[in-house]
Amino acid sequence: MRSFIAACLVAVVIAVVGAFALNSYQETVAQAFATSSVRV
């Protein structure tokens, strides 16, 4: 039972860290597709 609870806590920690990482990596459409000859 103890190992199951530890695995659940590790899964929650990984999910939270992943969510913060993806939110900080995300950029707007205007930034992602901006080139010298395109207007968004």
PDB file of N, CA and C in Angstrom:
ATOM      1  N   MET A   1       0.829  -1.202   0.000  1.00  0.00           N
ATOM      2  CA  MET A   1       0.000   0.000   0.000  1.00  0.00           C
ATOM      3  C   MET A   1       0.869   1.260   0.000  1.00  0.00           C
ATOM      4  N   ARG A   2       1.974   1.202   0.733  1.00  0.00           N
ATOM      5  CA  ARG A   2       2.851   2.364   0.820  1.00  0.00           C
ATOM      6  C   ARG A   2       3.464   2.700  -0.542  1.00  0.00           C
ATOM      7  N   SER A   3       3.832   1.674  -1.292  1.00  0.00           N
ATOM      8  CA  SER A   3       4.432   1.926  -2.603  1.00  0.00           C
ATOM      9  C   SER A   3       3.397   2.487  -3.583  1.00  0.00           C
ATOM     10  N   PHE A   4       2.139   2.105  -3.461  1.00  0.00           N
ATOM     11  CA  PHE A   4       1.075   2.633  -4.311  1.00  0.00           C
ATOM     12  C   PHE A   4       0.869   4.120  -4.055  1.00  0.00           C
ATOM     13  N   ILE A   5       0.855   4.513  -2.805  1.00  0.00           N
ATOM     14  CA  ILE A   5       0.694   5.931  -2.463  1.00  0.00           C
ATOM     15  C   ILE A   5       1.893   6.730  -2.952  1.00  0.00           C
ATOM     16  N   ALA A   6       3.079   6.175  -2.817  1.00  0.00           N
ATOM     17  CA  ALA A   6       4.279   6.856  -3.305  1.00  0.00           C
ATOM     18  C   ALA A   6       4.223   7.019  -4.819  1.00  0.00           C
ATOM     19  N   ALA A   7       3.761   6.001  -5.521  1.00  0.00           N
ATOM     20  CA  ALA A   7       3.646   6.087  -6.982  1.00  0.00           C
ATOM     21  C   ALA A   7       2.617   7.140  -7.379  1.00  0.00           C
ATOM     22  N   CYS A   8       1.524   7.238  -6.659  1.00  0.00           N
ATOM     23  CA  CYS A   8       0.518   8.265  -6.948  1.00  0.00           C
ATOM     24  C   CYS A   8       1.079   9.663  -6.727  1.00  0.00           C
ATOM     25  N   LEU A   9       1.827   9.843  -5.656  1.00  0.00           N
ATOM     26  CA  LEU A   9       2.430  11.150  -5.391  1.00  0.00           C
ATOM     27  C   LEU A   9       3.440  11.517  -6.469  1.00  0.00           C
ATOM     28  N   VAL A  10       4.232  10.555  -6.908  1.00  0.00           N
ATOM     29  CA  VAL A  10       5.205  10.816  -7.972  1.00  0.00           C
ATOM     30  C   VAL A  10       4.481  11.179  -9.263  1.00  0.00           C
ATOM     31  N   ALA A  11       3.378  10.506  -9.574  1.00  0.00           N
ATOM     32  CA  ALA A  11       2.617  10.816 -10.783  1.00  0.00           C
ATOM     33  C   ALA A  11       2.056  12.231 -10.718  1.00  0.00           C
ATOM     34  N   VAL A  12       1.573  12.655  -9.570  1.00  0.00           N
ATOM     35  CA  VAL A  12       1.029  14.004  -9.409  1.00  0.00           C
ATOM     36  C   VAL A  12       2.140  15.040  -9.570  1.00  0.00           C
ATOM     37  N   VAL A  13       3.295  14.775  -8.984  1.00  0.00           N
ATOM     38  CA  VAL A  13       4.415  15.717  -9.091  1.00  0.00           C
ATOM     39  C   VAL A  13       4.865  15.842 -10.547  1.00  0.00           C
ATOM     40  N   ILE A  14       4.958  14.734 -11.254  1.00  0.00           N
ATOM     41  CA  ILE A  14       5.361  14.770 -12.662  1.00  0.00           C
ATOM     42  C   ILE A  14       4.327  15.539 -13.491  1.00  0.00           C
ATOM     43  N   ALA A  15       3.044  15.343 -13.208  1.00  0.00           N
ATOM     44  CA  ALA A  15       1.996  16.048 -13.946  1.00  0.00           C
ATOM     45  C   ALA A  15       2.065  17.551 -13.701  1.00  0.00           C
ATOM     46  N   VAL A  16       2.288  17.967 -12.474  1.00  0.00           N
ATOM     47  CA  VAL A  16       2.354  19.389 -12.151  1.00  0.00           C
ATOM     48  C   VAL A  16       3.576  20.029 -12.810  1.00  0.00           C
ATOM     49  N   VAL A  17       4.715  19.363 -12.734  1.00  0.00           N
ATOM     50  CA  VAL A  17       5.928  19.899 -13.361  1.00  0.00           C
ATOM     51  C   VAL A  17       5.745  19.975 -14.872  1.00  0.00           C
ATOM     52  N   GLY A  18       5.131  18.969 -15.469  1.00  0.00           N
ATOM     53  CA  GLY A  18       4.881  18.990 -16.901  1.00  0.00           C
ATOM     54  C   GLY A  18       3.942  20.101 -17.309  1.00  0.00           C
ATOM     55  N   ALA A  19       2.920  20.349 -16.526  1.00  0.00           N
ATOM     56  CA  ALA A  19       1.978  21.422 -16.831  1.00  0.00           C
ATOM     57  C   ALA A  19       2.661  22.787 -16.792  1.00  0.00           C
ATOM     58  N   PHE A  20       3.492  23.019 -15.769  1.00  0.00           N
ATOM     59  CA  PHE A  20       4.208  24.290 -15.699  1.00  0.00           C
ATOM     60  C   PHE A  20       5.199  24.432 -16.845  1.00  0.00           C
ATOM     61  N   ALA A  21       5.866  23.345 -17.210  1.00  0.00           N
ATOM     62  CA  ALA A  21       6.844  23.401 -18.301  1.00  0.00           C
ATOM     63  C   ALA A  21       6.155  23.710 -19.624  1.00  0.00           C
ATOM     64  N   LEU A  22       5.025  23.068 -19.875  1.00  0.00           N
ATOM     65  CA  LEU A  22       4.323  23.310 -21.137  1.00  0.00           C
ATOM     66  C   LEU A  22       3.720  24.711 -21.194  1.00  0.00           C
ATOM     67  N   ASN A  23       3.229  25.210 -20.089  1.00  0.00           N
ATOM     68  CA  ASN A  23       2.675  26.562 -20.071  1.00  0.00           C
ATOM     69  C   ASN A  23       3.752  27.614 -20.294  1.00  0.00           C
ATOM     70  N   SER A  24       4.939  27.382 -19.785  1.00  0.00           N
ATOM     71  CA  SER A  24       6.001  28.364 -19.990  1.00  0.00           C
ATOM     72  C   SER A  24       6.580  28.259 -21.399  1.00  0.00           C
ATOM     73  N   TYR A  25       6.483  27.107 -22.029  1.00  0.00           N
ATOM     74  CA  TYR A  25       7.032  26.910 -23.374  1.00  0.00           C
ATOM     75  C   TYR A  25       6.091  27.435 -24.453  1.00  0.00           C
ATOM     76  N   GLN A  26       4.820  27.518 -24.150  1.00  0.00           N
ATOM     77  CA  GLN A  26       3.802  27.890 -25.124  1.00  0.00           C
ATOM     78  C   GLN A  26       3.986  29.334 -25.581  1.00  0.00           C
ATOM     79  N   GLU A  27       3.794  29.567 -26.892  1.00  0.00           N
ATOM     80  CA  GLU A  27       3.873  30.920 -27.421  1.00  0.00           C
ATOM     81  C   GLU A  27       2.647  31.202 -28.277  1.00  0.00           C
ATOM     82  N   THR A  28       2.385  32.456 -28.502  1.00  0.00           N
ATOM     83  CA  THR A  28       1.193  32.836 -29.247  1.00  0.00           C
ATOM     84  C   THR A  28       1.349  32.488 -30.722  1.00  0.00           C
ATOM     85  N   VAL A  29       0.239  32.482 -31.423  1.00  0.00           N
ATOM     86  CA  VAL A  29       0.255  32.171 -32.857  1.00  0.00           C
ATOM     87  C   VAL A  29       1.063  33.217 -33.613  1.00  0.00           C
ATOM     88  N   ALA A  30       0.905  34.473 -33.230  1.00  0.00           N
ATOM     89  CA  ALA A  30       1.622  35.546 -33.910  1.00  0.00           C
ATOM     90  C   ALA A  30       3.135  35.394 -33.762  1.00  0.00           C
ATOM     91  N   GLN A  31       3.582  34.918 -32.615  1.00  0.00           N
ATOM     92  CA  GLN A  31       5.014  34.709 -32.409  1.00  0.00           C
ATOM     93  C   GLN A  31       5.499  33.448 -33.112  1.00  0.00           C
ATOM     94  N   ALA A  32       4.704  32.392 -33.088  1.00  0.00           N
ATOM     95  CA  ALA A  32       5.129  31.124 -33.630  1.00  0.00           C
ATOM     96  C   ALA A  32       5.243  31.156 -35.152  1.00  0.00           C
ATOM     97  N   PHE A  33       4.356  31.875 -35.836  1.00  0.00           N
ATOM     98  CA  PHE A  33       4.334  31.880 -37.283  1.00  0.00           C
ATOM     99  C   PHE A  33       4.798  33.199 -37.890  1.00  0.00           C
ATOM    100  N   ALA A  34       5.506  34.011 -37.133  1.00  0.00           N
ATOM    101  CA  ALA A  34       5.956  35.302 -37.630  1.00  0.00           C
ATOM    102  C   ALA A  34       7.200  35.124 -38.498  1.00  0.00           C
ATOM    103  N   THR A  35       7.124  35.618 -39.693  1.00  0.00           N
ATOM    104  CA  THR A  35       8.291  35.673 -40.582  1.00  0.00           C
ATOM    105  C   THR A  35       8.376  37.082 -41.143  1.00  0.00           C
ATOM    106  N   SER A  36       9.360  37.319 -41.966  1.00  0.00           N
ATOM    107  CA  SER A  36       9.549  38.673 -42.472  1.00  0.00           C
ATOM    108  C   SER A  36       8.488  39.088 -43.487  1.00  0.00           C
ATOM    109  N   SER A  37       7.810  38.115 -44.133  1.00  0.00           N
ATOM    110  CA  SER A  37       6.854  38.472 -45.198  1.00  0.00           C
ATOM    111  C   SER A  37       5.410  38.111 -44.852  1.00  0.00           C
ATOM    112  N   VAL A  38       5.112  37.802 -43.594  1.00  0.00           N
ATOM    113  CA  VAL A  38       3.767  37.380 -43.226  1.00  0.00           C
ATOM    114  C   VAL A  38       3.220  38.327 -42.166  1.00  0.00           C
ATOM    115  N   ARG A  39       1.971  38.734 -42.352  1.00  0.00           N
ATOM    116  CA  ARG A  39       1.273  39.524 -41.340  1.00  0.00           C
ATOM    117  C   ARG A  39       0.185  38.661 -40.720  1.00  0.00           C
ATOM    118  N   VAL A  40       0.110  38.668 -39.416  1.00  0.00           N
ATOM    119  CA  VAL A  40      -0.919  37.877 -38.735  1.00  0.00           C
ATOM    120  C   VAL A  40      -1.880  38.828 -38.056  1.00  0.00           C
TER     121      VAL A  40
END
